[in-house]
Amino acid sequence: MNLSFIEAAVQGVMDKVSNGETVKVSDNIREEFIEDMTAAFDKQFGRETDEPFRLRMSNIGRHPCQLQMAKLGTKPSRKPYNHIMRMMIGDAVEAYLMAFLKLANADITGGKDQVELEIADTVIKGESDVDLEGKVYDIKSASPWAYKNKWQKGFDGLKESDDFGYIGQLFGYAEGQKKPMGGWIVCDKSSGEITVVDSKLSDAEKKQLRKKIEKTIRTVESGGEVIKCFEPEDETFYRKPTGSKRLSITCSFCDYRASCWPDAQFKPQTNSQAKAPRHYWYTEYAG
């Protein structure tokens, strides 16, 4: 089963359901979907605000400064009230995608495995999503912006913007099980569109990634001073410098932005004449 077939097969099932055509759902598929949703419900309502930090598969690919802040117990910015709903919608989308894979008769060879990987003298744990034809895949839900500007650009788009460490996460799942990296099955949680992104890491890139993760783990476990990974960027408007400096996209969306950049201000884009200009986080503002 190649990637285009996975995508086409799932889209085919979705097309039938969308148009009222009969799709036979077995008791096993229904029960497994209910189990997935129950687990998601318990996870979201069972979160502890004082849960101790630990390195895990889902964060080893992130920037070390974010992990250092988390380990130090730095208080994150308060999330908006609708944050939990976004997470729950994502959980539901991923559970439905898993059901659609089963209904499409995808060659599911494993999944939901408790994975451990020893790296840099540290045991990293996590739970994988699904194996297809012996390869490890992750199921993701995405915002419309991320779906269009990252996932639809394929693996190159993901490499350009992987602030959540998705490549490192999949690498960990695959290495921990001695299986090949497959890729990501992604759904736009607004439009319902899906795409499959193949992992195209070469052996040399995998070695580089492992070294990067090892360095991140040692940096975090050392308990040393937090080293900022990003600095404010000079802003341009129509390719001309504005005299303002603003935070990178990574810092703008980081939970610890206020701790690293306490004086940053959320302001309309410098020199913009739009009625509703885009706003950015600025450290220096010439507007």
C-alpha atoms as a PDB file:
ATOM      1  CA  MET A   1       0.000   0.000   0.000  1.00  0.00           C
ATOM      2  CA  ASN A   2       1.733   3.201  -1.115  1.00  0.00           C
ATOM      3  CA  LEU A   3       1.041   6.667   0.245  1.00  0.00           C
ATOM      4  CA  SER A   4      -1.212   7.794  -2.578  1.00  0.00           C
ATOM      5  CA  PHE A   5      -3.278   4.635  -2.100  1.00  0.00           C
ATOM      6  CA  ILE A   6      -3.668   5.275   1.632  1.00  0.00           C
ATOM      7  CA  GLU A   7      -4.890   8.781   0.904  1.00  0.00           C
ATOM      8  CA  ALA A   8      -7.180   7.676  -1.911  1.00  0.00           C
ATOM      9  CA  ALA A   9      -8.590   4.745   0.075  1.00  0.00           C
ATOM     10  CA  VAL A  10      -9.494   6.874   3.100  1.00  0.00           C
ATOM     11  CA  GLN A  11     -10.934   9.620   0.907  1.00  0.00           C
ATOM     12  CA  GLY A  12     -12.997   6.975  -0.875  1.00  0.00           C
ATOM     13  CA  VAL A  13     -14.609   5.799   2.364  1.00  0.00           C
ATOM     14  CA  MET A  14     -15.229   9.382   3.443  1.00  0.00           C
ATOM     15  CA  ASP A  15     -16.820  10.115   0.075  1.00  0.00           C
ATOM     16  CA  LYS A  16     -19.256   7.211   0.493  1.00  0.00           C
ATOM     17  CA  VAL A  17     -20.261   8.252   4.004  1.00  0.00           C
ATOM     18  CA  SER A  18     -20.615  11.887   2.905  1.00  0.00           C
ATOM     19  CA  ASN A  19     -23.033  10.834   0.191  1.00  0.00           C
ATOM     20  CA  GLY A  20     -25.158   8.466   2.215  1.00  0.00           C
ATOM     21  CA  GLU A  21     -23.790   5.276   0.702  1.00  0.00           C
ATOM     22  CA  THR A  22     -23.669   2.170   2.842  1.00  0.00           C
ATOM     23  CA  VAL A  23     -20.390   1.477   4.614  1.00  0.00           C
ATOM     24  CA  LYS A  24     -20.411  -1.596   6.807  1.00  0.00           C
ATOM     25  CA  VAL A  25     -18.989  -0.861  10.246  1.00  0.00           C
ATOM     26  CA  SER A  26     -18.046  -3.939  12.260  1.00  0.00           C
ATOM     27  CA  ASP A  27     -18.635  -4.190  15.982  1.00  0.00           C
ATOM     28  CA  ASN A  28     -14.847  -4.215  16.521  1.00  0.00           C
ATOM     29  CA  ILE A  29     -14.345  -0.923  14.687  1.00  0.00           C
ATOM     30  CA  ARG A  30     -17.215   0.696  16.595  1.00  0.00           C
ATOM     31  CA  GLU A  31     -15.944  -0.547  19.966  1.00  0.00           C
ATOM     32  CA  GLU A  32     -12.360   0.508  19.247  1.00  0.00           C
ATOM     33  CA  PHE A  33     -13.576   3.995  18.250  1.00  0.00           C
ATOM     34  CA  ILE A  34     -15.518   4.286  21.517  1.00  0.00           C
ATOM     35  CA  GLU A  35     -12.403   3.187  23.433  1.00  0.00           C
ATOM     36  CA  ASP A  36     -10.315   5.848  21.660  1.00  0.00           C
ATOM     37  CA  MET A  37     -12.844   8.574  22.459  1.00  0.00           C
ATOM     38  CA  THR A  38     -13.145   7.454  26.086  1.00  0.00           C
ATOM     39  CA  ALA A  39      -9.361   7.531  26.470  1.00  0.00           C
ATOM     40  CA  ALA A  40      -9.261  11.021  24.922  1.00  0.00           C
ATOM     41  CA  PHE A  41     -12.012  12.225  27.258  1.00  0.00           C
ATOM     42  CA  ASP A  42     -10.224  10.865  30.311  1.00  0.00           C
ATOM     43  CA  LYS A  43      -6.926  12.400  29.167  1.00  0.00           C
ATOM     44  CA  GLN A  44      -8.333  15.899  28.679  1.00  0.00           C
ATOM     45  CA  PHE A  45     -10.342  15.926  31.907  1.00  0.00           C
ATOM     46  CA  GLY A  46      -7.626  14.208  33.897  1.00  0.00           C
ATOM     47  CA  ARG A  47      -4.771  16.644  33.244  1.00  0.00           C
ATOM     48  CA  GLU A  48      -2.945  17.842  36.350  1.00  0.00           C
ATOM     49  CA  THR A  49      -1.657  21.410  36.370  1.00  0.00           C
ATOM     50  CA  ASP A  50       1.280  20.390  38.560  1.00  0.00           C
ATOM     51  CA  GLU A  51       2.229  17.312  36.540  1.00  0.00           C
ATOM     52  CA  PRO A  52       6.016  16.916  36.789  1.00  0.00           C
ATOM     53  CA  PHE A  53       8.053  17.564  33.666  1.00  0.00           C
ATOM     54  CA  ARG A  54       9.557  14.637  31.832  1.00  0.00           C
ATOM     55  CA  LEU A  55      11.175  14.118  28.481  1.00  0.00           C
ATOM     56  CA  ARG A  56       8.946  12.009  26.263  1.00  0.00           C
ATOM     57  CA  MET A  57       8.574  11.075  22.612  1.00  0.00           C
ATOM     58  CA  SER A  58       6.207  13.953  21.938  1.00  0.00           C
ATOM     59  CA  ASN A  59       8.682  16.622  23.046  1.00  0.00           C
ATOM     60  CA  ILE A  60      12.233  15.379  22.333  1.00  0.00           C
ATOM     61  CA  GLY A  61      12.125  17.047  18.918  1.00  0.00           C
ATOM     62  CA  ARG A  62      11.256  20.477  20.339  1.00  0.00           C
ATOM     63  CA  HIS A  63      13.621  23.366  20.885  1.00  0.00           C
ATOM     64  CA  PRO A  64      15.792  22.886  23.994  1.00  0.00           C
ATOM     65  CA  CYS A  65      14.959  26.319  25.440  1.00  0.00           C
ATOM     66  CA  GLN A  66      11.270  25.371  25.660  1.00  0.00           C
ATOM     67  CA  LEU A  67      12.125  22.110  27.423  1.00  0.00           C
ATOM     68  CA  GLN A  68      14.527  23.844  29.788  1.00  0.00           C
ATOM     69  CA  MET A  69      11.832  26.319  30.793  1.00  0.00           C
ATOM     70  CA  ALA A  70       9.369  23.495  31.379  1.00  0.00           C
ATOM     71  CA  LYS A  71      11.826  21.527  33.511  1.00  0.00           C
ATOM     72  CA  LEU A  72      12.592  24.601  35.623  1.00  0.00           C
ATOM     73  CA  GLY A  73       8.892  24.842  36.413  1.00  0.00           C
ATOM     74  CA  THR A  74       8.512  28.189  34.679  1.00  0.00           C
ATOM     75  CA  LYS A  75       4.879  29.236  34.726  1.00  0.00           C
ATOM     76  CA  PRO A  76       3.481  29.147  31.175  1.00  0.00           C
ATOM     77  CA  SER A  77       1.223  31.832  29.772  1.00  0.00           C
ATOM     78  CA  ARG A  78      -2.431  31.219  30.576  1.00  0.00           C
ATOM     79  CA  LYS A  79      -4.208  29.581  27.656  1.00  0.00           C
ATOM     80  CA  PRO A  80      -7.463  30.946  26.215  1.00  0.00           C
ATOM     81  CA  TYR A  81     -10.684  29.349  27.423  1.00  0.00           C
ATOM     82  CA  ASN A  82     -11.232  27.601  24.063  1.00  0.00           C
ATOM     83  CA  HIS A  83      -7.843  25.848  24.110  1.00  0.00           C
ATOM     84  CA  ILE A  84      -9.323  22.655  25.569  1.00  0.00           C
ATOM     85  CA  MET A  85     -12.017  22.546  22.897  1.00  0.00           C
ATOM     86  CA  ARG A  86      -9.374  22.743  20.188  1.00  0.00           C
ATOM     87  CA  MET A  87      -7.570  19.824  21.822  1.00  0.00           C
ATOM     88  CA  MET A  88     -10.794  17.806  22.084  1.00  0.00           C
ATOM     89  CA  ILE A  89     -11.682  18.469  18.456  1.00  0.00           C
ATOM     90  CA  GLY A  90      -8.215  17.244  17.530  1.00  0.00           C
ATOM     91  CA  ASP A  91      -8.707  14.068  19.569  1.00  0.00           C
ATOM     92  CA  ALA A  92     -12.034  13.367  17.851  1.00  0.00           C
ATOM     93  CA  VAL A  93     -10.576  13.986  14.391  1.00  0.00           C
ATOM     94  CA  GLU A  94      -7.731  11.557  15.088  1.00  0.00           C
ATOM     95  CA  ALA A  95     -10.118   8.885  16.404  1.00  0.00           C
ATOM     96  CA  TYR A  96     -12.291   9.179  13.297  1.00  0.00           C
ATOM     97  CA  LEU A  97      -9.226   9.025  11.036  1.00  0.00           C
ATOM     98  CA  MET A  98      -8.207   5.767  12.696  1.00  0.00           C
ATOM     99  CA  ALA A  99     -11.693   4.392  12.083  1.00  0.00           C
ATOM    100  CA  PHE A 100     -11.560   5.460   8.434  1.00  0.00           C
ATOM    101  CA  LEU A 101      -8.216   3.684   8.000  1.00  0.00           C
ATOM    102  CA  LYS A 102      -9.825   0.473   9.253  1.00  0.00           C
ATOM    103  CA  LEU A 103     -12.892   0.947   7.061  1.00  0.00           C
ATOM    104  CA  ALA A 104     -10.568   1.497   4.072  1.00  0.00           C
ATOM    105  CA  ASN A 105      -8.967  -1.896   4.778  1.00  0.00           C
ATOM    106  CA  ALA A 106      -5.560  -0.302   5.241  1.00  0.00           C
ATOM    107  CA  ASP A 107      -2.780  -2.802   5.955  1.00  0.00           C
ATOM    108  CA  ILE A 108      -2.560  -2.058   9.692  1.00  0.00           C
ATOM    109  CA  THR A 109       0.324  -4.083  11.126  1.00  0.00           C
ATOM    110  CA  GLY A 110       0.493  -2.540  14.592  1.00  0.00           C
ATOM    111  CA  GLY A 111      -0.121   0.544  16.676  1.00  0.00           C
ATOM    112  CA  LYS A 112      -0.717   1.970  20.142  1.00  0.00           C
ATOM    113  CA  ASP A 113       2.578   0.430  21.188  1.00  0.00           C
ATOM    114  CA  GLN A 114       4.274   1.485  24.412  1.00  0.00           C
ATOM    115  CA  VAL A 115       7.647   2.522  23.042  1.00  0.00           C
ATOM    116  CA  GLU A 116      10.919   3.064  24.891  1.00  0.00           C
ATOM    117  CA  LEU A 117      14.150   4.446  23.475  1.00  0.00           C
ATOM    118  CA  GLU A 118      17.387   4.855  25.409  1.00  0.00           C
ATOM    119  CA  ILE A 119      19.258   7.864  24.088  1.00  0.00           C
ATOM    120  CA  ALA A 120      21.917  10.003  25.784  1.00  0.00           C
ATOM    121  CA  ASP A 121      21.666   7.725  28.862  1.00  0.00           C
ATOM    122  CA  THR A 122      17.984   8.610  29.220  1.00  0.00           C
ATOM    123  CA  VAL A 123      14.977   6.363  28.605  1.00  0.00           C
ATOM    124  CA  ILE A 124      12.340   8.169  26.560  1.00  0.00           C
ATOM    125  CA  LYS A 125       8.816   6.736  26.529  1.00  0.00           C
ATOM    126  CA  GLY A 126       5.715   7.249  24.424  1.00  0.00           C
ATOM    127  CA  GLU A 127       2.815   5.576  22.643  1.00  0.00           C
ATOM    128  CA  SER A 128       2.796   5.264  18.860  1.00  0.00           C
ATOM    129  CA  ASP A 129      -0.331   5.724  16.741  1.00  0.00           C
ATOM    130  CA  VAL A 130      -0.380   3.154  13.946  1.00  0.00           C
ATOM    131  CA  ASP A 131       1.847   0.947  11.797  1.00  0.00           C
ATOM    132  CA  LEU A 132       1.005   0.515   8.127  1.00  0.00           C
ATOM    133  CA  GLU A 133       2.832  -2.205   6.193  1.00  0.00           C
ATOM    134  CA  GLY A 134       5.381  -2.387   8.979  1.00  0.00           C
ATOM    135  CA  LYS A 135       6.151   1.349   8.953  1.00  0.00           C
ATOM    136  CA  VAL A 136       5.378   3.756  11.787  1.00  0.00           C
ATOM    137  CA  TYR A 137       2.862   6.536  11.130  1.00  0.00           C
ATOM    138  CA  ASP A 138       1.539   9.370  13.251  1.00  0.00           C
ATOM    139  CA  ILE A 139      -2.032  10.661  12.946  1.00  0.00           C
ATOM    140  CA  LYS A 140      -2.313  14.432  13.258  1.00  0.00           C
ATOM    141  CA  SER A 141      -5.050  17.048  13.194  1.00  0.00           C
ATOM    142  CA  ALA A 142      -4.040  20.485  11.942  1.00  0.00           C
ATOM    143  CA  SER A 143      -5.335  24.025  11.877  1.00  0.00           C
ATOM    144  CA  PRO A 144      -6.262  25.368   8.426  1.00  0.00           C
ATOM    145  CA  TRP A 145      -3.120  27.534   8.430  1.00  0.00           C
ATOM    146  CA  ALA A 146      -0.783  24.654   9.334  1.00  0.00           C
ATOM    147  CA  TYR A 147      -2.483  22.321   6.867  1.00  0.00           C
ATOM    148  CA  LYS A 148      -2.052  24.778   3.987  1.00  0.00           C
ATOM    149  CA  ASN A 149       1.334  26.264   4.834  1.00  0.00           C
ATOM    150  CA  LYS A 150       3.097  23.218   6.230  1.00  0.00           C
ATOM    151  CA  TRP A 151       1.515  19.831   5.598  1.00  0.00           C
ATOM    152  CA  GLN A 152       0.385  20.406   2.009  1.00  0.00           C
ATOM    153  CA  LYS A 153       3.970  21.318   1.138  1.00  0.00           C
ATOM    154  CA  GLY A 154       4.984  17.768   1.967  1.00  0.00           C
ATOM    155  CA  PHE A 155       8.029  16.710   3.935  1.00  0.00           C
ATOM    156  CA  ASP A 156      10.034  19.766   2.868  1.00  0.00           C
ATOM    157  CA  GLY A 157       7.307  22.015   4.319  1.00  0.00           C
ATOM    158  CA  LEU A 158       7.418  20.119   7.604  1.00  0.00           C
ATOM    159  CA  LYS A 159      11.214  20.389   7.821  1.00  0.00           C
ATOM    160  CA  GLU A 160      10.973  24.152   7.318  1.00  0.00           C
ATOM    161  CA  SER A 161       8.561  24.550  10.233  1.00  0.00           C
ATOM    162  CA  ASP A 162       8.693  21.768  12.815  1.00  0.00           C
ATOM    163  CA  ASP A 163       8.386  23.715  16.059  1.00  0.00           C
ATOM    164  CA  PHE A 164       6.360  20.912  17.662  1.00  0.00           C
ATOM    165  CA  GLY A 165       9.081  18.353  16.958  1.00  0.00           C
ATOM    166  CA  TYR A 166       6.969  16.000  14.877  1.00  0.00           C
ATOM    167  CA  ILE A 167       9.975  14.600  12.998  1.00  0.00           C
ATOM    168  CA  GLY A 168      11.834  13.861  16.235  1.00  0.00           C
ATOM    169  CA  GLN A 169       8.705  12.258  17.681  1.00  0.00           C
ATOM    170  CA  LEU A 170       8.240   9.892  14.733  1.00  0.00           C
ATOM    171  CA  PHE A 171      11.972   9.130  14.719  1.00  0.00           C
ATOM    172  CA  GLY A 172      11.743   8.119  18.377  1.00  0.00           C
ATOM    173  CA  TYR A 173       8.762   5.844  17.802  1.00  0.00           C
ATOM    174  CA  ALA A 174      10.493   4.153  14.861  1.00  0.00           C
ATOM    175  CA  GLU A 175      13.912   3.805  16.506  1.00  0.00           C
ATOM    176  CA  GLY A 176      12.399   2.471  19.709  1.00  0.00           C
ATOM    177  CA  GLN A 177      10.698  -0.322  17.778  1.00  0.00           C
ATOM    178  CA  LYS A 178      13.438  -0.917  15.175  1.00  0.00           C
ATOM    179  CA  LYS A 179      10.946  -0.105  12.434  1.00  0.00           C
ATOM    180  CA  PRO A 180      11.117   2.226   9.412  1.00  0.00           C
ATOM    181  CA  MET A 181       9.668   5.731   9.625  1.00  0.00           C
ATOM    182  CA  GLY A 182       6.475   5.905   7.560  1.00  0.00           C
ATOM    183  CA  GLY A 183       5.039   9.403   7.813  1.00  0.00           C
ATOM    184  CA  TRP A 184       2.017  11.405   8.912  1.00  0.00           C
ATOM    185  CA  ILE A 185      -1.690  11.092   8.133  1.00  0.00           C
ATOM    186  CA  VAL A 186      -3.027  14.614   8.560  1.00  0.00           C
ATOM    187  CA  CYS A 187      -6.522  16.086   8.652  1.00  0.00           C
ATOM    188  CA  ASP A 188      -7.493  19.762   8.480  1.00  0.00           C
ATOM    189  CA  LYS A 189      -9.819  19.916  11.481  1.00  0.00           C
ATOM    190  CA  SER A 190     -11.813  22.736   9.892  1.00  0.00           C
ATOM    191  CA  SER A 191     -12.318  21.536   6.305  1.00  0.00           C
ATOM    192  CA  GLY A 192     -11.971  17.787   6.898  1.00  0.00           C
ATOM    193  CA  GLU A 193      -9.441  17.427   4.066  1.00  0.00           C
ATOM    194  CA  ILE A 194      -6.734  14.810   4.516  1.00  0.00           C
ATOM    195  CA  THR A 195      -3.234  14.326   3.197  1.00  0.00           C
ATOM    196  CA  VAL A 196      -0.479  11.789   3.766  1.00  0.00           C
ATOM    197  CA  VAL A 197       3.084  13.051   4.143  1.00  0.00           C
ATOM    198  CA  ASP A 198       5.919  10.601   3.635  1.00  0.00           C
ATOM    199  CA  SER A 199       9.023  10.807   5.810  1.00  0.00           C
ATOM    200  CA  LYS A 200      12.024  11.189   3.530  1.00  0.00           C
ATOM    201  CA  LEU A 201      14.878  11.291   6.013  1.00  0.00           C
ATOM    202  CA  SER A 202      18.075   9.847   4.587  1.00  0.00           C
ATOM    203  CA  ASP A 203      20.345   7.693   6.756  1.00  0.00           C
ATOM    204  CA  ALA A 204      22.713  10.655   7.108  1.00  0.00           C
ATOM    205  CA  GLU A 205      19.838  12.911   8.206  1.00  0.00           C
ATOM    206  CA  LYS A 206      18.724  10.325  10.759  1.00  0.00           C
ATOM    207  CA  LYS A 207      22.220  10.309  12.274  1.00  0.00           C
ATOM    208  CA  GLN A 208      22.191  14.106  12.427  1.00  0.00           C
ATOM    209  CA  LEU A 209      18.738  14.071  14.027  1.00  0.00           C
ATOM    210  CA  ARG A 210      19.847  11.557  16.639  1.00  0.00           C
ATOM    211  CA  LYS A 211      22.830  13.753  17.534  1.00  0.00           C
ATOM    212  CA  LYS A 212      20.540  16.779  17.772  1.00  0.00           C
ATOM    213  CA  ILE A 213      18.156  14.930  20.110  1.00  0.00           C
ATOM    214  CA  GLU A 214      21.090  13.694  22.205  1.00  0.00           C
ATOM    215  CA  LYS A 215      22.340  17.270  22.537  1.00  0.00           C
ATOM    216  CA  THR A 216      18.861  18.484  23.507  1.00  0.00           C
ATOM    217  CA  ILE A 217      18.506  15.793  26.170  1.00  0.00           C
ATOM    218  CA  ARG A 218      21.925  16.552  27.678  1.00  0.00           C
ATOM    219  CA  THR A 219      21.171  20.290  27.678  1.00  0.00           C
ATOM    220  CA  VAL A 220      17.859  19.777  29.448  1.00  0.00           C
ATOM    221  CA  GLU A 221      19.126  17.192  31.927  1.00  0.00           C
ATOM    222  CA  SER A 222      22.161  19.310  32.847  1.00  0.00           C
ATOM    223  CA  GLY A 223      19.912  21.871  34.533  1.00  0.00           C
ATOM    224  CA  GLY A 224      22.080  24.701  33.246  1.00  0.00           C
ATOM    225  CA  GLU A 225      21.132  28.228  32.279  1.00  0.00           C
ATOM    226  CA  VAL A 226      18.368  28.549  29.674  1.00  0.00           C
ATOM    227  CA  ILE A 227      19.879  29.443  26.315  1.00  0.00           C
ATOM    228  CA  LYS A 228      17.470  31.258  24.012  1.00  0.00           C
ATOM    229  CA  CYS A 229      17.283  29.549  20.636  1.00  0.00           C
ATOM    230  CA  PHE A 230      15.913  32.601  18.832  1.00  0.00           C
ATOM    231  CA  GLU A 231      16.471  36.346  18.845  1.00  0.00           C
ATOM    232  CA  PRO A 232      14.096  39.106  17.666  1.00  0.00           C
ATOM    233  CA  GLU A 233      14.104  39.643  13.914  1.00  0.00           C
ATOM    234  CA  ASP A 234      14.382  42.885  11.948  1.00  0.00           C
ATOM    235  CA  GLU A 235      11.003  43.580  10.386  1.00  0.00           C
ATOM    236  CA  THR A 236      10.523  44.526   6.750  1.00  0.00           C
ATOM    237  CA  PHE A 237       7.430  45.890   5.036  1.00  0.00           C
ATOM    238  CA  TYR A 238       7.310  45.579   1.255  1.00  0.00           C
ATOM    239  CA  ARG A 239      10.974  44.525   1.493  1.00  0.00           C
ATOM    240  CA  LYS A 240      11.993  47.731   3.280  1.00  0.00           C
ATOM    241  CA  PRO A 241      13.193  47.796   6.911  1.00  0.00           C
ATOM    242  CA  THR A 242      10.636  49.325   9.283  1.00  0.00           C
ATOM    243  CA  GLY A 243      12.985  49.917  12.204  1.00  0.00           C
ATOM    244  CA  SER A 244      10.958  47.495  14.339  1.00  0.00           C
ATOM    245  CA  LYS A 245      12.045  44.156  15.762  1.00  0.00           C
ATOM    246  CA  ARG A 246       9.585  41.380  16.362  1.00  0.00           C
ATOM    247  CA  LEU A 247       9.674  37.883  17.789  1.00  0.00           C
ATOM    248  CA  SER A 248      10.036  34.866  15.546  1.00  0.00           C
ATOM    249  CA  ILE A 249       6.917  32.820  14.911  1.00  0.00           C
ATOM    250  CA  THR A 250       8.327  30.152  17.219  1.00  0.00           C
ATOM    251  CA  CYS A 251       8.714  32.575  20.136  1.00  0.00           C
ATOM    252  CA  SER A 252       5.370  34.243  19.426  1.00  0.00           C
ATOM    253  CA  PHE A 253       3.508  30.985  20.018  1.00  0.00           C
ATOM    254  CA  CYS A 254       5.728  29.627  22.800  1.00  0.00           C
ATOM    255  CA  ASP A 255       4.129  29.007  26.202  1.00  0.00           C
ATOM    256  CA  TYR A 256       7.070  30.770  27.858  1.00  0.00           C
ATOM    257  CA  ARG A 257       7.170  33.896  25.705  1.00  0.00           C
ATOM    258  CA  ALA A 258       6.364  36.195  28.618  1.00  0.00           C
ATOM    259  CA  SER A 259       9.258  34.829  30.673  1.00  0.00           C
ATOM    260  CA  CYS A 260      11.838  35.246  27.915  1.00  0.00           C
ATOM    261  CA  TRP A 261      10.479  38.522  26.534  1.00  0.00           C
ATOM    262  CA  PRO A 262       8.570  40.251  29.356  1.00  0.00           C
ATOM    263  CA  ASP A 263       8.598  43.638  27.594  1.00  0.00           C
ATOM    264  CA  ALA A 264       7.305  42.387  24.237  1.00  0.00           C
ATOM    265  CA  GLN A 265       4.149  44.158  23.045  1.00  0.00           C
ATOM    266  CA  PHE A 266       1.404  42.868  20.773  1.00  0.00           C
ATOM    267  CA  LYS A 267       1.053  45.618  18.177  1.00  0.00           C
ATOM    268  CA  PRO A 268      -0.354  46.153  14.666  1.00  0.00           C
ATOM    269  CA  GLN A 269       2.154  45.608  11.878  1.00  0.00           C
ATOM    270  CA  THR A 270       4.426  48.605  11.435  1.00  0.00           C
ATOM    271  CA  ASN A 271       3.456  50.891   8.524  1.00  0.00           C
ATOM    272  CA  SER A 272       0.378  48.844   7.652  1.00  0.00           C
ATOM    273  CA  GLN A 273      -2.554  50.929   6.412  1.00  0.00           C
ATOM    274  CA  ALA A 274      -5.028  48.061   6.549  1.00  0.00           C
ATOM    275  CA  LYS A 275      -8.285  48.593   8.461  1.00  0.00           C
ATOM    276  CA  ALA A 276      -7.605  45.400  10.397  1.00  0.00           C
ATOM    277  CA  PRO A 277      -3.802  44.973  10.307  1.00  0.00           C
ATOM    278  CA  ARG A 278      -2.086  41.801  11.450  1.00  0.00           C
ATOM    279  CA  HIS A 279      -0.634  41.991  14.941  1.00  0.00           C
ATOM    280  CA  TYR A 280       2.780  40.731  16.027  1.00  0.00           C
ATOM    281  CA  TRP A 281       4.860  40.566  19.184  1.00  0.00           C
ATOM    282  CA  TYR A 282       7.429  43.362  19.097  1.00  0.00           C
ATOM    283  CA  THR A 283      10.509  43.978  21.236  1.00  0.00           C
ATOM    284  CA  GLU A 284      11.159  47.275  19.430  1.00  0.00           C
ATOM    285  CA  TYR A 285       8.322  49.155  17.760  1.00  0.00           C
ATOM    286  CA  ALA A 286       8.659  52.048  15.327  1.00  0.00           C
ATOM    287  CA  GLY A 287       4.973  52.218  14.475  1.00  0.00           C
END
